[in-house]
Every structure is written in C-alpha cells, then in structure tokens.
Amino acid sequence: MSPAPLRIPEGRQGPGPIPRRVLDTLDLVVARRTRGVLPGDRLAAGVGSGTELAQLRPYEVGDDVRQIDPSATARMGEPYVRLHVPERTLTTWLIVDRSPSMAFGTSGRLKWDVAEGAAIVVAHLGVRRAGRVALVTFGAGDVPSLHPPRASRPGVVAVRRALAGGVAADGEGGGPGAFARALVRVGRVATTPGLIVIVSDFRDQVDWIRPLGALVAHHSMLAVEVRDPREAALPSVGRLALVDPETGQHIEVDTSRPRLRERFERIEAEGRAQVAAELRRLQADHVVLSTGSDWLKDLGRRLR
C-alpha cells in the first residue's frame, strides 16, 4: 500500500473550538492532579488570614478583636487571639516553545496550533479559583520572554496576545540551550510552589534535565509534548529536499532506500522514548498530543 500523500496545512489553522463544558471537566481533573488548587491547600509564609492556626498569644493593643479566641480567653483569664497561616492561590507557570520546529505540520494543524490551544486551555484553568497564570516563551531569540503572573481575564488575554505572534522564523530560534535557559529563569522567579506546564515538541534541546529536576522538586509539573505523524516515519517518495527549521541547514535524501527509512524510524523512536523516560524519572506528568487527532479530547483523556 502506497503511503498517504503529504497535505501541508494552509498556514496557521488555529487550535479550533474549545467548548466550555470541556474546560469545566478539565478544571476538576487538574485540581485533583495538582494536589492543591483549592484555596487553603497551599500556604504562604508568615501570618495572616487563613484557616490553619499559626499561633495563640495574649491580646495586644491593635490586634483585631474578631480574632479573640473565647475558649483560650476563658481558660487563661485574659484575652487571647488566634493568628493563622495565610492561604494563597495557585500560580500556574506556562512554558511554551516558540522555536521554528513548532511550525511543522502535515495533518489538519501545525504543531504550533496544538501548542497554542493547549496553552490557552491551561491559562483558562489557571485563573479559576482565584488563581494566576504566568507565561514564559522560548525558542524565539536568545533570551526567554517573561509575562508576569496575572489573575482573572487579564491573565488569559495576556497569554492569548503573547501567543498570537506565532513561532520564530527558520534559523532564528534560540539554539539548543533555549529550553534550559527558560527553565532556569522560571526557577528564579517562581519562588513559591505552584503548577508548571511545559508545552513543547522536546526536540534538539540540551542540558534541560537538571533545571527541570530542580523545578519538579518544588512545583507540580505537567509536560505536554506535541508531535506530528510524519515525524515518526519517513515516506517513500524518492529524493526529498529537507530543511532543518532550527538551523536552516538544507539536506537531500533518497527516501526510496528501506534502510534509510528504518534507521530514521529507529532514531526517532529512541529519541521520543528517551524524553518520556527522563520525564518519568523526574516524576513529571507527561501528555502527548498530535496534530493528526483531536488534541482537546486527547488532553482530557490523558489527564483523566
């Protein structure tokens, strides 16, 4: 049977419709998986408004009289006040890959379309329950772009606007160390535990395992890997001219050679297996989305 012909999407197709009922379902799923989205499950430093008792001490002038503890006051014979550990809401840190390889696509959408949709879904979920969402993009220059945490609708709008710029042009990515630099930057600014969601194809990046492990030690982690079906196998179409989108390098190969196609498939499978193994070793949740399927259903199915 001859392979199906390549069908290149006509430019960016966008992520497609995102029904509200799906967002409502994923909201509960993500709340369970992050183990602490609900207010009160994550605590801030110091004392303030909250539900967990931090200290019980004698009343001092200036204390809020509403914090007087009746039981302790009756036992001790003088006013005592309750001080609580302040509650804080969850901050979701989106790390999105804008490198040129994300512009590849041979099915209904480009990889960037799927990545954009997944990031928008996470942004919507991140601002629920009084949460905040921040965005860090990499692969479009040497320095990662940081958009600070924002709550409610402004947070989602900021993410949409930042992602509307698309990916970097061929040969103008951030190089093989862009992903690692983005992780290091997030580690410096995300000082309190939160949820980190990475959306990338995890290709041609180096030295990212150690900084990712440092983030997993303090945050909940979800890695969303975006793939295209044609990346797993090389079609037999004779001589083929290829361009590396990351470096702009050109190469010509004879795809009619079975050994070449088998070697390509083996190297690709080993690379994807290595990424999955490293994420599993670091105990980061791993979700794979494809341009050739309904990415929103796959995201919900894998999270569930």
Protein backbone atom coordinates (compact mmCIF):
# COMPACT_ATOMS: atom_id res chain seq x y z
CA MET A 1 0.00 0.00 0.00
CA SER A 2 1.43 3.36 -1.02
CA PRO A 3 1.80 5.99 1.73
CA ALA A 4 -0.78 8.74 2.01
CA PRO A 5 0.32 11.92 0.22
CA LEU A 6 1.58 14.82 2.26
CA ARG A 7 -1.00 17.52 2.86
CA ILE A 8 0.51 20.69 4.21
CA PRO A 9 -1.92 22.86 6.21
CA GLU A 10 -2.54 26.23 4.60
CA GLY A 11 -0.80 28.37 7.18
CA ARG A 12 -1.96 28.52 10.76
CA GLN A 13 -5.31 26.85 11.35
CA GLY A 14 -5.58 27.81 15.00
CA PRO A 15 -6.41 25.41 17.82
CA GLY A 16 -10.06 25.07 16.86
CA PRO A 17 -13.13 25.34 19.13
CA ILE A 18 -12.69 24.83 22.89
CA PRO A 19 -16.13 24.06 24.40
CA ARG A 20 -16.79 25.45 27.85
CA ARG A 21 -18.09 22.09 29.11
CA VAL A 22 -14.68 20.56 28.35
CA LEU A 23 -12.97 23.31 30.35
CA ASP A 24 -15.32 22.63 33.26
CA THR A 25 -14.41 18.94 33.21
CA LEU A 26 -10.68 19.58 32.94
CA ASP A 27 -10.88 22.08 35.79
CA LEU A 28 -11.78 19.30 38.21
CA VAL A 29 -9.21 16.94 36.72
CA VAL A 30 -6.36 19.43 37.03
CA ALA A 31 -7.47 20.31 40.58
CA ARG A 32 -7.04 16.69 41.60
CA ARG A 33 -3.76 16.14 39.78
CA THR A 34 -2.03 19.24 41.16
CA ARG A 35 -3.00 18.28 44.71
CA GLY A 36 -3.59 21.79 45.95
CA VAL A 37 -5.56 24.06 43.65
CA LEU A 38 -8.34 24.70 46.12
CA PRO A 39 -7.81 27.77 48.36
CA GLY A 40 -6.34 26.73 51.69
CA ASP A 41 -4.43 23.73 50.34
CA ARG A 42 -1.35 25.86 49.68
CA LEU A 43 0.02 28.09 52.42
CA ALA A 44 2.11 31.24 52.33
CA ALA A 45 4.81 32.33 54.76
CA GLY A 46 4.10 34.44 57.87
CA VAL A 47 0.72 35.01 59.45
CA GLY A 48 -2.49 36.44 58.11
CA SER A 49 -5.99 35.48 57.02
CA GLY A 50 -6.45 31.73 56.78
CA THR A 51 -7.88 28.60 58.33
CA GLU A 52 -4.79 26.92 59.81
CA LEU A 53 -3.71 28.04 63.28
CA ALA A 54 -0.21 29.50 63.45
CA GLN A 55 -0.07 30.98 66.96
CA LEU A 56 -2.18 31.59 70.08
CA ARG A 57 -0.93 34.54 72.17
CA PRO A 58 -2.19 37.23 74.59
CA TYR A 59 -4.10 40.12 73.10
CA GLU A 60 -2.08 43.27 72.30
CA VAL A 61 -3.34 46.73 71.57
CA GLY A 62 -4.05 46.97 67.86
CA ASP A 63 -4.98 43.32 67.36
CA ASP A 64 -8.21 42.55 65.52
CA VAL A 65 -10.81 41.88 68.23
CA ARG A 66 -12.51 39.45 65.86
CA GLN A 67 -9.54 37.10 66.31
CA ILE A 68 -10.05 36.77 70.07
CA ASP A 69 -10.37 33.10 71.00
CA PRO A 70 -13.24 32.63 73.52
CA SER A 71 -12.03 29.27 74.84
CA ALA A 72 -8.44 30.35 75.44
CA THR A 73 -9.64 33.63 76.95
CA ALA A 74 -11.91 31.78 79.41
CA ARG A 75 -9.15 29.37 80.43
CA MET A 76 -6.40 31.94 80.87
CA GLY A 77 -8.48 34.72 82.38
CA GLU A 78 -7.22 37.30 79.87
CA PRO A 79 -7.88 37.92 76.17
CA TYR A 80 -6.05 35.63 73.75
CA VAL A 81 -6.02 35.99 69.95
CA ARG A 82 -5.63 33.41 67.21
CA LEU A 83 -3.11 34.04 64.41
CA HIS A 84 -3.48 31.98 61.25
CA VAL A 85 -1.23 30.85 58.42
CA PRO A 86 -2.32 32.87 55.36
CA GLU A 87 -3.76 30.98 52.43
CA ARG A 88 -2.68 31.73 48.89
CA THR A 89 -3.97 30.77 45.50
CA LEU A 90 -2.14 28.69 42.93
CA THR A 91 0.12 30.31 40.32
CA THR A 92 0.36 28.43 37.02
CA TRP A 93 3.58 28.94 35.05
CA LEU A 94 3.21 28.25 31.33
CA ILE A 95 6.46 27.49 29.48
CA VAL A 96 5.73 27.44 25.74
CA ASP A 97 8.08 26.51 22.89
CA ARG A 98 8.14 29.06 20.04
CA SER A 99 11.07 27.51 18.18
CA PRO A 100 10.82 27.10 14.37
CA SER A 101 10.26 23.34 14.63
CA MET A 102 6.80 24.06 16.09
CA ALA A 103 5.71 25.38 12.65
CA PHE A 104 5.81 21.85 11.21
CA GLY A 105 2.56 20.10 10.34
CA THR A 106 1.33 17.52 7.82
CA SER A 107 -2.19 16.92 9.16
CA GLY A 108 -5.06 19.28 9.88
CA ARG A 109 -2.97 21.62 12.01
CA LEU A 110 0.56 22.72 12.69
CA LYS A 111 2.24 21.70 15.93
CA TRP A 112 2.05 25.34 16.97
CA ASP A 113 -1.75 25.33 16.57
CA VAL A 114 -1.99 22.43 19.02
CA ALA A 115 0.50 24.03 21.40
CA GLU A 116 -1.38 27.31 21.32
CA GLY A 117 -4.67 25.56 22.08
CA ALA A 118 -3.20 23.58 24.98
CA ALA A 119 -1.66 26.75 26.45
CA ILE A 120 -4.96 28.63 26.20
CA VAL A 121 -6.81 25.79 27.96
CA VAL A 122 -4.25 25.77 30.77
CA ALA A 123 -4.49 29.57 31.06
CA HIS A 124 -8.27 29.37 31.47
CA LEU A 125 -7.91 26.70 34.14
CA GLY A 126 -5.10 28.56 35.88
CA VAL A 127 -7.13 31.68 36.63
CA ARG A 128 -10.05 29.75 38.12
CA ARG A 129 -10.43 29.53 41.91
CA ALA A 130 -8.77 32.96 42.20
CA GLY A 131 -5.55 31.63 40.63
CA ARG A 132 -2.98 33.43 38.50
CA VAL A 133 -1.22 32.49 35.28
CA ALA A 134 2.23 33.50 34.00
CA LEU A 135 3.82 32.83 30.62
CA VAL A 136 7.42 32.19 29.60
CA THR A 137 8.19 31.55 25.92
CA PHE A 138 11.48 30.32 24.48
CA GLY A 139 12.93 29.46 21.10
CA ALA A 140 12.41 32.89 19.51
CA GLY A 141 15.68 34.54 20.43
CA ASP A 142 18.46 34.03 22.93
CA VAL A 143 16.52 35.37 25.94
CA PRO A 144 13.23 33.80 27.13
CA SER A 145 10.26 36.16 27.18
CA LEU A 146 8.54 36.53 30.56
CA HIS A 147 4.96 37.69 31.14
CA PRO A 148 4.37 38.04 34.90
CA PRO A 149 1.51 36.33 36.77
CA ARG A 150 -1.93 37.84 36.29
CA ALA A 151 -5.34 36.84 37.58
CA SER A 152 -8.77 36.53 36.01
CA ARG A 153 -9.47 37.67 32.45
CA PRO A 154 -6.33 39.87 32.09
CA GLY A 155 -4.20 36.79 32.63
CA VAL A 156 -5.89 34.84 29.82
CA VAL A 157 -5.86 37.85 27.48
CA ALA A 158 -2.13 38.35 28.09
CA VAL A 159 -1.44 34.72 27.18
CA ARG A 160 -3.54 34.92 24.00
CA ARG A 161 -1.81 38.10 22.86
CA ALA A 162 1.65 36.73 23.53
CA LEU A 163 0.95 33.53 21.60
CA ALA A 164 -0.65 35.35 18.67
CA GLY A 165 2.83 36.19 17.37
CA GLY A 166 3.42 32.58 16.34
CA VAL A 167 6.81 30.93 16.11
CA ALA A 168 10.26 32.17 15.15
CA ALA A 169 11.38 32.09 11.52
CA ASP A 170 13.59 29.24 10.27
CA GLY A 171 17.12 29.59 11.56
CA GLU A 172 16.16 32.28 14.08
CA GLY A 173 15.43 30.10 17.11
CA GLY A 174 17.14 30.33 20.45
CA GLY A 175 19.51 27.43 19.82
CA PRO A 176 19.78 24.08 21.64
CA GLY A 177 20.03 25.74 25.06
CA ALA A 178 16.85 27.83 24.83
CA PHE A 179 14.71 25.38 26.80
CA ALA A 180 17.25 25.11 29.61
CA ARG A 181 17.52 28.91 29.88
CA ALA A 182 13.74 29.19 30.15
CA LEU A 183 13.66 26.62 32.95
CA VAL A 184 16.41 28.42 34.84
CA ARG A 185 14.58 31.73 34.56
CA VAL A 186 11.35 30.24 35.85
CA GLY A 187 13.26 28.73 38.75
CA ARG A 188 14.50 32.20 39.71
CA VAL A 189 11.13 33.95 39.64
CA ALA A 190 8.76 31.17 40.78
CA THR A 191 9.73 31.34 44.43
CA THR A 192 6.59 29.73 45.88
CA PRO A 193 5.25 26.26 44.98
CA GLY A 194 2.85 26.24 42.03
CA LEU A 195 1.97 24.38 38.86
CA ILE A 196 4.36 24.41 35.89
CA VAL A 197 3.05 23.35 32.47
CA ILE A 198 5.53 22.90 29.61
CA VAL A 199 4.21 22.84 26.03
CA SER A 200 6.89 21.81 23.54
CA ASP A 201 7.95 19.21 21.00
CA PHE A 202 11.06 18.49 23.13
CA ARG A 203 13.35 18.41 20.10
CA ASP A 204 17.00 19.38 19.65
CA GLN A 205 17.36 20.79 23.17
CA VAL A 206 20.25 20.09 25.54
CA ASP A 207 21.04 20.45 29.24
CA TRP A 208 17.38 20.70 30.27
CA ILE A 209 17.18 17.70 32.59
CA ARG A 210 18.92 19.24 35.62
CA PRO A 211 16.97 22.55 35.68
CA LEU A 212 13.74 20.64 35.10
CA GLY A 213 14.54 18.39 38.06
CA ALA A 214 15.14 21.45 40.22
CA LEU A 215 11.66 22.75 39.34
CA VAL A 216 9.97 19.39 39.97
CA ALA A 217 11.41 19.41 43.49
CA HIS A 218 9.31 22.48 44.38
CA HIS A 219 6.39 22.52 41.94
CA SER A 220 3.80 20.24 40.38
CA MET A 221 4.81 19.54 36.78
CA LEU A 222 2.88 18.73 33.59
CA ALA A 223 4.79 18.24 30.32
CA VAL A 224 2.70 18.47 27.14
CA GLU A 225 4.62 17.05 24.18
CA VAL A 226 3.32 17.96 20.71
CA ARG A 227 4.06 15.64 17.78
CA ASP A 228 3.20 15.25 14.10
CA PRO A 229 2.63 11.82 12.49
CA ARG A 230 5.23 12.42 9.77
CA GLU A 231 7.95 12.90 12.38
CA ALA A 232 7.80 9.22 13.32
CA ALA A 233 8.30 7.76 9.82
CA LEU A 234 9.85 8.88 6.54
CA PRO A 235 7.60 8.33 3.47
CA SER A 236 8.99 6.63 0.38
CA VAL A 237 8.73 9.48 -2.13
CA GLY A 238 12.12 9.28 -3.86
CA ARG A 239 14.62 12.11 -3.48
CA LEU A 240 13.48 14.61 -0.86
CA ALA A 241 14.87 18.06 -0.04
CA LEU A 242 14.67 18.87 3.67
CA VAL A 243 15.38 21.96 5.73
CA ASP A 244 16.24 21.96 9.43
CA PRO A 245 13.97 24.73 10.80
CA GLU A 246 16.20 25.27 13.83
CA THR A 247 19.44 25.87 11.92
CA GLY A 248 18.25 26.49 8.36
CA GLN A 249 20.53 23.70 7.09
CA HIS A 250 19.50 22.03 3.79
CA ILE A 251 19.89 18.33 3.04
CA GLU A 252 18.76 15.94 0.29
CA VAL A 253 17.98 12.28 0.97
CA ASP A 254 16.78 9.32 -1.11
CA THR A 255 13.70 8.11 0.75
CA SER A 256 13.29 5.10 -1.54
CA ARG A 257 16.06 3.31 0.41
CA PRO A 258 14.44 1.00 3.01
CA ARG A 259 17.48 1.01 5.29
CA LEU A 260 17.40 4.80 5.45
CA ARG A 261 13.73 4.82 6.40
CA GLU A 262 14.26 2.10 9.02
CA ARG A 263 17.18 3.98 10.55
CA PHE A 264 15.13 7.18 10.62
CA GLU A 265 12.26 5.44 12.42
CA ARG A 266 14.63 3.82 14.91
CA ILE A 267 16.39 7.08 15.78
CA GLU A 268 13.07 8.90 16.12
CA ALA A 269 11.59 6.20 18.36
CA GLU A 270 14.70 6.21 20.56
CA GLY A 271 14.56 9.99 20.90
CA ARG A 272 10.89 10.03 21.92
CA ALA A 273 11.46 7.13 24.34
CA GLN A 274 14.39 8.96 25.95
CA VAL A 275 12.30 12.09 26.53
CA ALA A 276 9.49 10.02 28.06
CA ALA A 277 11.95 8.13 30.27
CA GLU A 278 13.55 11.32 31.59
CA LEU A 279 10.16 12.88 32.38
CA ARG A 280 9.07 9.69 34.10
CA ARG A 281 12.29 9.54 36.12
CA LEU A 282 11.76 13.13 37.26
CA GLN A 283 8.14 12.25 38.19
CA ALA A 284 6.69 14.84 35.82
CA ASP A 285 3.27 14.10 34.33
CA HIS A 286 3.63 13.54 30.58
CA VAL A 287 0.90 14.08 27.96
CA VAL A 288 1.44 13.53 24.22
CA LEU A 289 -0.74 15.44 21.72
CA SER A 290 -0.71 15.01 17.95
CA THR A 291 -1.63 17.22 15.03
CA GLY A 292 -3.33 14.21 13.47
CA SER A 293 -6.01 13.74 16.14
CA ASP A 294 -8.42 15.70 18.31
CA TRP A 295 -5.90 17.26 20.66
CA LEU A 296 -8.51 18.55 23.12
CA LYS A 297 -10.09 15.11 23.60
CA ASP A 298 -6.65 13.53 23.93
CA LEU A 299 -5.67 16.10 26.55
CA GLY A 300 -8.79 15.42 28.60
CA ARG A 301 -8.46 11.65 28.19
CA ARG A 302 -4.82 11.55 29.30
CA LEU A 303 -5.38 13.82 32.28
CA ARG A 304 -8.32 11.75 33.42
